[in-house]
Each structure stands twice: as structure tokens, then as C-alpha cells.
N, C-alpha and C. Protein backbone atom coordinates (compact mmCIF):
# COMPACT_ATOMS: atom_id res chain seq x y z
N MET A 1 -14.39 -3.94 -13.68
CA MET A 1 -13.20 -3.50 -12.98
C MET A 1 -13.47 -2.12 -12.38
N GLN A 2 -13.08 -1.95 -11.13
CA GLN A 2 -13.27 -0.67 -10.46
C GLN A 2 -12.45 0.43 -11.15
N LYS A 3 -13.01 1.61 -11.19
CA LYS A 3 -12.33 2.74 -11.83
C LYS A 3 -10.96 3.00 -11.22
N ILE A 4 -10.84 2.87 -9.91
CA ILE A 4 -9.56 3.13 -9.25
C ILE A 4 -8.47 2.17 -9.76
N LEU A 5 -8.84 0.92 -9.98
CA LEU A 5 -7.88 -0.06 -10.50
C LEU A 5 -7.57 0.21 -11.96
N LYS A 6 -8.58 0.48 -12.74
CA LYS A 6 -8.39 0.80 -14.15
C LYS A 6 -7.45 2.01 -14.31
N ASP A 7 -7.71 3.06 -13.56
CA ASP A 7 -6.87 4.26 -13.63
C ASP A 7 -5.43 3.97 -13.23
N LYS A 8 -5.25 3.16 -12.19
CA LYS A 8 -3.91 2.82 -11.72
C LYS A 8 -3.15 2.01 -12.77
N ILE A 9 -3.81 1.05 -13.40
CA ILE A 9 -3.17 0.24 -14.43
C ILE A 9 -2.71 1.11 -15.59
N ILE A 10 -3.57 2.00 -16.05
CA ILE A 10 -3.21 2.89 -17.17
C ILE A 10 -2.04 3.78 -16.76
N GLU A 11 -2.09 4.33 -15.56
CA GLU A 11 -1.01 5.20 -15.07
C GLU A 11 0.33 4.47 -15.04
N VAL A 12 0.34 3.28 -14.47
CA VAL A 12 1.59 2.50 -14.36
C VAL A 12 2.09 2.09 -15.74
N CYS A 13 1.19 1.63 -16.60
CA CYS A 13 1.60 1.24 -17.96
C CYS A 13 2.21 2.43 -18.69
N ASP A 14 1.56 3.58 -18.64
CA ASP A 14 2.09 4.78 -19.30
C ASP A 14 3.48 5.13 -18.77
N LYS A 15 3.65 5.08 -17.46
CA LYS A 15 4.93 5.43 -16.84
C LYS A 15 6.03 4.46 -17.28
N LYS A 16 5.74 3.17 -17.23
CA LYS A 16 6.75 2.16 -17.59
C LYS A 16 7.09 2.22 -19.08
N ILE A 17 6.10 2.44 -19.93
CA ILE A 17 6.34 2.56 -21.37
C ILE A 17 7.22 3.78 -21.65
N LYS A 18 6.93 4.88 -20.97
CA LYS A 18 7.73 6.11 -21.15
C LYS A 18 9.17 5.88 -20.70
N GLU A 19 9.35 5.19 -19.57
CA GLU A 19 10.69 4.96 -19.02
C GLU A 19 11.50 3.91 -19.79
N LYS A 20 10.84 2.82 -20.20
CA LYS A 20 11.58 1.67 -20.72
C LYS A 20 11.21 1.25 -22.13
N GLY A 21 10.24 1.91 -22.74
CA GLY A 21 9.87 1.59 -24.11
C GLY A 21 8.72 0.60 -24.21
N THR A 22 8.31 0.34 -25.43
CA THR A 22 7.11 -0.46 -25.68
C THR A 22 7.29 -1.95 -25.43
N ASN A 23 8.51 -2.41 -25.23
CA ASN A 23 8.73 -3.82 -24.96
C ASN A 23 8.73 -4.16 -23.47
N VAL A 24 8.50 -3.18 -22.62
CA VAL A 24 8.53 -3.42 -21.18
C VAL A 24 7.40 -4.36 -20.77
N GLY A 25 7.74 -5.30 -19.90
CA GLY A 25 6.76 -6.24 -19.39
C GLY A 25 6.42 -5.94 -17.94
N LEU A 26 5.19 -6.28 -17.55
CA LEU A 26 4.71 -6.06 -16.19
C LEU A 26 3.97 -7.29 -15.69
N SER A 27 3.94 -7.43 -14.38
CA SER A 27 3.02 -8.39 -13.76
C SER A 27 1.95 -7.57 -13.06
N PHE A 28 0.88 -8.22 -12.63
CA PHE A 28 -0.18 -7.45 -11.97
C PHE A 28 0.27 -6.88 -10.64
N TYR A 29 1.36 -7.39 -10.09
CA TYR A 29 1.89 -6.83 -8.84
C TYR A 29 2.44 -5.41 -9.04
N ALA A 30 2.75 -5.03 -10.26
CA ALA A 30 3.30 -3.69 -10.54
C ALA A 30 2.33 -2.58 -10.17
N PHE A 31 1.07 -2.91 -10.01
CA PHE A 31 0.05 -1.90 -9.75
C PHE A 31 -0.21 -1.69 -8.25
N PHE A 32 0.60 -2.35 -7.41
CA PHE A 32 0.40 -2.31 -5.97
C PHE A 32 1.70 -2.04 -5.24
N ALA A 33 1.57 -1.51 -4.03
CA ALA A 33 2.73 -1.30 -3.16
C ALA A 33 3.24 -2.66 -2.68
N ASN A 34 4.40 -2.67 -2.08
CA ASN A 34 4.98 -3.92 -1.60
C ASN A 34 4.28 -4.46 -0.35
N LYS A 35 3.27 -3.77 0.11
CA LYS A 35 2.49 -4.28 1.24
C LYS A 35 1.05 -4.49 0.78
N ASN A 36 0.40 -5.41 1.40
CA ASN A 36 -0.96 -5.77 1.01
C ASN A 36 -1.96 -4.89 1.75
N ASP A 37 -2.08 -3.64 1.31
CA ASP A 37 -2.97 -2.70 1.99
C ASP A 37 -4.38 -2.65 1.41
N ASN A 38 -4.60 -3.36 0.30
CA ASN A 38 -5.94 -3.42 -0.28
C ASN A 38 -6.14 -4.79 -0.92
N PRO A 39 -6.36 -5.82 -0.09
CA PRO A 39 -6.45 -7.19 -0.61
C PRO A 39 -7.59 -7.40 -1.60
N GLU A 40 -8.70 -6.69 -1.45
CA GLU A 40 -9.81 -6.86 -2.37
C GLU A 40 -9.44 -6.39 -3.77
N LEU A 41 -8.75 -5.25 -3.86
CA LEU A 41 -8.34 -4.73 -5.15
C LEU A 41 -7.26 -5.62 -5.78
N LEU A 42 -6.35 -6.12 -4.96
CA LEU A 42 -5.33 -7.05 -5.44
C LEU A 42 -5.98 -8.30 -6.02
N MET A 43 -6.98 -8.85 -5.34
CA MET A 43 -7.66 -10.04 -5.84
C MET A 43 -8.45 -9.74 -7.11
N GLU A 44 -9.00 -8.55 -7.20
CA GLU A 44 -9.71 -8.17 -8.43
C GLU A 44 -8.73 -8.14 -9.60
N ALA A 45 -7.56 -7.55 -9.39
CA ALA A 45 -6.54 -7.51 -10.44
C ALA A 45 -6.06 -8.92 -10.81
N ALA A 46 -5.82 -9.74 -9.79
CA ALA A 46 -5.35 -11.11 -10.04
C ALA A 46 -6.39 -11.92 -10.79
N THR A 47 -7.64 -11.79 -10.40
CA THR A 47 -8.72 -12.53 -11.08
C THR A 47 -8.84 -12.08 -12.53
N TRP A 48 -8.81 -10.79 -12.76
CA TRP A 48 -8.89 -10.25 -14.12
C TRP A 48 -7.73 -10.77 -14.95
N TRP A 49 -6.52 -10.72 -14.40
CA TRP A 49 -5.28 -11.09 -15.10
C TRP A 49 -5.22 -12.59 -15.37
N ILE A 50 -5.45 -13.39 -14.32
CA ILE A 50 -5.24 -14.83 -14.40
C ILE A 50 -6.47 -15.58 -14.90
N MET A 51 -7.60 -15.34 -14.28
CA MET A 51 -8.79 -16.13 -14.59
C MET A 51 -9.52 -15.65 -15.85
N GLU A 52 -9.70 -14.35 -15.99
CA GLU A 52 -10.45 -13.84 -17.12
C GLU A 52 -9.65 -13.85 -18.42
N HIS A 53 -8.38 -13.44 -18.34
CA HIS A 53 -7.59 -13.28 -19.57
C HIS A 53 -6.50 -14.33 -19.74
N LYS A 54 -6.28 -15.15 -18.70
CA LYS A 54 -5.28 -16.22 -18.76
C LYS A 54 -3.92 -15.70 -19.26
N LEU A 55 -3.52 -14.56 -18.70
CA LEU A 55 -2.27 -13.93 -19.10
C LEU A 55 -1.09 -14.60 -18.40
N ASP A 56 0.08 -14.51 -19.03
CA ASP A 56 1.30 -15.00 -18.42
C ASP A 56 1.66 -14.10 -17.25
N HIS A 57 2.65 -14.55 -16.46
CA HIS A 57 3.06 -13.75 -15.30
C HIS A 57 3.49 -12.35 -15.73
N PHE A 58 4.31 -12.26 -16.78
CA PHE A 58 4.70 -10.97 -17.33
C PHE A 58 4.09 -10.81 -18.70
N GLU A 59 3.52 -9.64 -18.92
CA GLU A 59 2.94 -9.28 -20.22
C GLU A 59 3.40 -7.88 -20.59
N LYS A 60 3.39 -7.59 -21.86
CA LYS A 60 3.78 -6.26 -22.34
C LYS A 60 2.79 -5.22 -21.80
N ALA A 61 3.34 -4.10 -21.35
CA ALA A 61 2.51 -3.02 -20.81
C ALA A 61 1.54 -2.51 -21.87
N VAL A 62 1.96 -2.46 -23.12
CA VAL A 62 1.07 -1.97 -24.18
C VAL A 62 -0.14 -2.90 -24.34
N LYS A 63 0.06 -4.19 -24.17
CA LYS A 63 -1.05 -5.15 -24.26
C LYS A 63 -2.02 -4.96 -23.10
N ILE A 64 -1.49 -4.82 -21.90
CA ILE A 64 -2.33 -4.63 -20.72
C ILE A 64 -3.13 -3.33 -20.85
N LYS A 65 -2.46 -2.28 -21.25
CA LYS A 65 -3.14 -0.99 -21.42
C LYS A 65 -4.27 -1.10 -22.44
N SER A 66 -4.02 -1.79 -23.53
CA SER A 66 -5.05 -1.97 -24.55
C SER A 66 -6.25 -2.75 -24.02
N LEU A 67 -5.98 -3.82 -23.28
CA LEU A 67 -7.07 -4.62 -22.70
C LEU A 67 -7.91 -3.76 -21.75
N VAL A 68 -7.25 -2.98 -20.92
CA VAL A 68 -7.98 -2.14 -19.96
C VAL A 68 -8.76 -1.03 -20.68
N ASN A 69 -8.17 -0.44 -21.69
CA ASN A 69 -8.86 0.61 -22.43
C ASN A 69 -10.09 0.09 -23.16
N ASN A 70 -10.11 -1.21 -23.46
CA ASN A 70 -11.25 -1.79 -24.16
C ASN A 70 -12.36 -2.30 -23.25
N LEU A 71 -12.17 -2.14 -21.93
CA LEU A 71 -13.20 -2.54 -20.98
C LEU A 71 -14.40 -1.59 -21.08
N LYS A 72 -15.55 -2.14 -20.84
CA LYS A 72 -16.76 -1.30 -20.88
C LYS A 72 -17.04 -0.72 -19.53
């Protein structure tokens, strides 16, 4: 996973957890603007989320953050 994507995921997870608590759920779309300005990065996130980890559409932010923090 590219560092820019990893950093963005951690940033968004931290923000949402702070705002809404540890039960907040996110989809991979939460890490992107409402316009498709970086399709390669969006596809990288989608592939990681759907194909590699077989995650549901919404997952707990704490789970996503943990998965990303454990990446090598």
C-alpha cells in the first residue's frame, strides 16, 4: 500500500474515532473526496479492502486502523 494511502486511512480513522467513538464504521470511500480525482489510489484502496481482506462495505474504524498499522 502506498504511504499516501496508508497515511490518509490512519488520519481519517483517527478523526472519525475522535468524533464518533470506537463503534464508528467506515467504507473505503471515506478516504476520498466525492470526485474521482485519483482513480489509481481509489482502486488500490478498493482492492485492498475487497479482494485482499474481504471486508464488508462498512467496517469499524478501529479495525481498519489496526489492519493498516500492521502492514509491512
